[in-house]
Amino acid sequence: MKVILLENIKGLGREGDVVDAKDGYANNFLLPKQLAVRATEENMVILEEKAEERRIQKEKEKQNAQAVFEQIHGKSFELKVKAGSGDRLFGSVTAKEIAEEIGKQYNVEIDKRKIELSENIKEKGEKEISIKLHPDITATVKIIISAL
């Protein structure tokens, strides 16, 4: 029986795939648990419409990421934090603090999980960091850590 998967199913396929499942598996497991629907003409049309909506959404996300990239790529940001003697900081600078500072200065929303830090910054000075805005778009910014 041909079915359209509504979720990723290990060993069978990914969401949106049209697969040929055994009748018993489809009737007794996939369909009752709403993991799949029958691959009728009507459902195929709905699948095409959803695929088009997802494509448009992904394109919109990429355009938004490109706009943010153009605003912040190559720019420098200064973070003032409490520091002890020498170059050591009290605590550390995290991706969350960096995202908030960039957001304040350029009025953009950056998810802290997209900032690629190998470890939190614990010393004063300059650091270049990468921000993965989209799978295809990565911005590089310079963070200047200074004492209050």
Protein backbone atom coordinates (compact mmCIF):
# COMPACT_ATOMS: atom_id res chain seq x y z
CA MET A 1 0.00 0.00 0.00
CA LYS A 2 1.33 3.43 -0.92
CA VAL A 3 1.29 5.90 1.96
CA ILE A 4 2.52 9.44 2.60
CA LEU A 5 4.57 9.67 5.78
CA LEU A 6 3.59 12.42 8.22
CA GLU A 7 6.66 11.86 10.42
CA ASN A 8 10.16 10.43 10.02
CA ILE A 9 10.00 6.66 10.48
CA LYS A 10 13.22 4.75 10.97
CA GLY A 11 13.72 2.15 8.26
CA LEU A 12 10.88 3.49 6.10
CA GLY A 13 11.44 7.14 5.18
CA ARG A 14 11.24 10.79 6.07
CA GLU A 15 8.29 13.10 6.54
CA GLY A 16 6.59 13.83 3.21
CA ASP A 17 7.96 10.75 1.44
CA VAL A 18 5.61 8.55 -0.56
CA VAL A 19 6.56 4.97 0.31
CA ASP A 20 5.24 1.50 -0.34
CA ALA A 21 4.49 -0.09 3.04
CA LYS A 22 3.16 -3.57 3.69
CA ASP A 23 -0.63 -3.60 4.02
CA GLY A 24 -0.65 -4.93 7.59
CA TYR A 25 1.98 -2.44 8.76
CA ALA A 26 0.10 0.45 7.18
CA ASN A 27 -3.40 -0.59 8.33
CA ASN A 28 -2.47 -1.70 11.84
CA PHE A 29 0.30 0.73 12.79
CA LEU A 30 0.95 3.71 10.51
CA LEU A 31 -2.63 4.79 9.79
CA PRO A 32 -4.13 4.33 13.32
CA LYS A 33 -1.23 6.20 14.95
CA GLN A 34 -1.55 8.93 12.31
CA LEU A 35 2.05 8.48 11.21
CA ALA A 36 0.92 8.25 7.58
CA VAL A 37 -2.05 8.77 5.27
CA ARG A 38 -3.08 6.84 2.17
CA ALA A 39 -1.47 8.14 -1.02
CA THR A 40 -4.68 9.19 -2.80
CA GLU A 41 -4.84 11.87 -5.50
CA GLU A 42 -6.33 14.32 -3.01
CA ASN A 43 -3.58 13.67 -0.44
CA MET A 44 -0.90 13.96 -3.15
CA VAL A 45 -2.19 17.45 -4.04
CA ILE A 46 -2.10 18.45 -0.36
CA LEU A 47 1.46 17.07 -0.12
CA GLU A 48 2.54 19.20 -3.10
CA GLU A 49 0.99 22.32 -1.54
CA LYS A 50 2.74 21.71 1.79
CA ALA A 51 6.06 21.12 0.01
CA GLU A 52 5.65 24.44 -1.80
CA GLU A 53 4.84 26.22 1.49
CA ARG A 54 7.96 24.71 3.12
CA ARG A 55 10.10 25.79 0.15
CA ILE A 56 8.77 29.36 0.38
CA GLN A 57 9.36 29.39 4.16
CA LYS A 58 12.96 28.18 3.75
CA GLU A 59 13.60 30.84 1.10
CA LYS A 60 12.20 33.52 3.43
CA GLU A 61 14.44 32.30 6.29
CA LYS A 62 17.46 32.45 3.99
CA GLN A 63 16.61 36.01 2.92
CA ASN A 64 16.23 37.08 6.57
CA ALA A 65 19.58 35.46 7.41
CA GLN A 66 21.20 37.27 4.46
CA ALA A 67 19.83 40.61 5.71
CA VAL A 68 21.26 39.99 9.20
CA PHE A 69 24.57 38.87 7.63
CA GLU A 70 24.86 42.16 5.74
CA GLN A 71 24.25 44.10 8.96
CA ILE A 72 26.75 42.35 11.23
CA HIS A 73 29.43 40.61 9.12
CA GLY A 74 32.89 42.00 9.79
CA LYS A 75 31.69 44.37 12.51
CA SER A 76 33.22 44.80 15.97
CA PHE A 77 31.29 44.68 19.22
CA GLU A 78 32.54 45.77 22.61
CA LEU A 79 31.43 44.00 25.76
CA LYS A 80 32.29 45.57 29.10
CA VAL A 81 32.46 43.07 31.94
CA LYS A 82 33.82 42.94 35.48
CA ALA A 83 37.45 41.91 35.52
CA GLY A 84 40.03 41.10 38.13
CA SER A 85 43.75 41.77 38.08
CA GLY A 86 45.49 40.94 34.84
CA ASP A 87 43.40 39.80 31.92
CA ARG A 88 41.10 37.45 33.88
CA LEU A 89 37.37 38.12 34.07
CA PHE A 90 34.99 37.53 36.95
CA GLY A 91 32.98 34.71 35.42
CA SER A 92 32.97 34.42 31.65
CA VAL A 93 31.33 35.83 28.54
CA THR A 94 28.77 33.42 27.12
CA ALA A 95 27.05 33.10 23.76
CA LYS A 96 23.88 34.48 25.36
CA GLU A 97 25.61 37.73 26.36
CA ILE A 98 27.13 38.08 22.89
CA ALA A 99 23.73 37.51 21.22
CA GLU A 100 22.09 40.11 23.49
CA GLU A 101 24.79 42.72 22.77
CA ILE A 102 24.58 42.21 19.00
CA GLY A 103 20.79 42.38 19.26
CA LYS A 104 20.95 45.68 21.16
CA GLN A 105 23.40 47.35 18.79
CA TYR A 106 21.81 46.26 15.49
CA ASN A 107 18.21 45.52 16.50
CA VAL A 108 18.39 41.95 15.19
CA GLU A 109 17.40 38.68 16.82
CA ILE A 110 20.20 36.11 17.04
CA ASP A 111 19.73 32.74 18.68
CA LYS A 112 22.53 32.05 21.17
CA ARG A 113 22.81 28.48 19.83
CA LYS A 114 23.92 29.84 16.46
CA ILE A 115 27.01 31.48 17.96
CA GLU A 116 29.94 29.12 17.59
CA LEU A 117 32.12 29.34 20.70
CA SER A 118 34.46 26.48 21.48
CA GLU A 119 34.36 27.60 25.12
CA ASN A 120 33.20 30.62 27.07
CA ILE A 121 35.51 33.65 26.94
CA LYS A 122 37.38 34.10 30.24
CA GLU A 123 39.98 36.76 29.38
CA LYS A 124 40.01 40.35 28.15
CA GLY A 125 41.00 40.98 24.57
CA GLU A 126 39.72 40.48 21.05
CA LYS A 127 38.13 37.32 19.70
CA GLU A 128 36.76 36.50 16.28
CA ILE A 129 33.64 34.39 16.43
CA SER A 130 31.40 32.80 13.81
CA ILE A 131 27.63 33.03 13.81
CA LYS A 132 25.86 30.42 11.72
CA LEU A 133 22.76 32.35 10.65
CA HIS A 134 21.64 29.70 8.14
CA PRO A 135 23.17 26.42 6.91
CA ASP A 136 24.58 28.37 3.93
CA ILE A 137 25.33 31.70 5.66
CA THR A 138 27.96 32.24 8.37
CA ALA A 139 28.91 35.71 9.61
CA THR A 140 32.19 36.52 11.33
CA VAL A 141 32.33 39.26 13.96
CA LYS A 142 34.99 40.58 16.31
CA ILE A 143 34.21 40.76 20.01
CA ILE A 144 36.29 43.13 22.12
CA ILE A 145 36.17 42.22 25.81
CA SER A 146 37.12 45.07 28.14
CA ALA A 147 36.86 45.81 31.85
CA LEU A 148 34.18 48.02 33.38
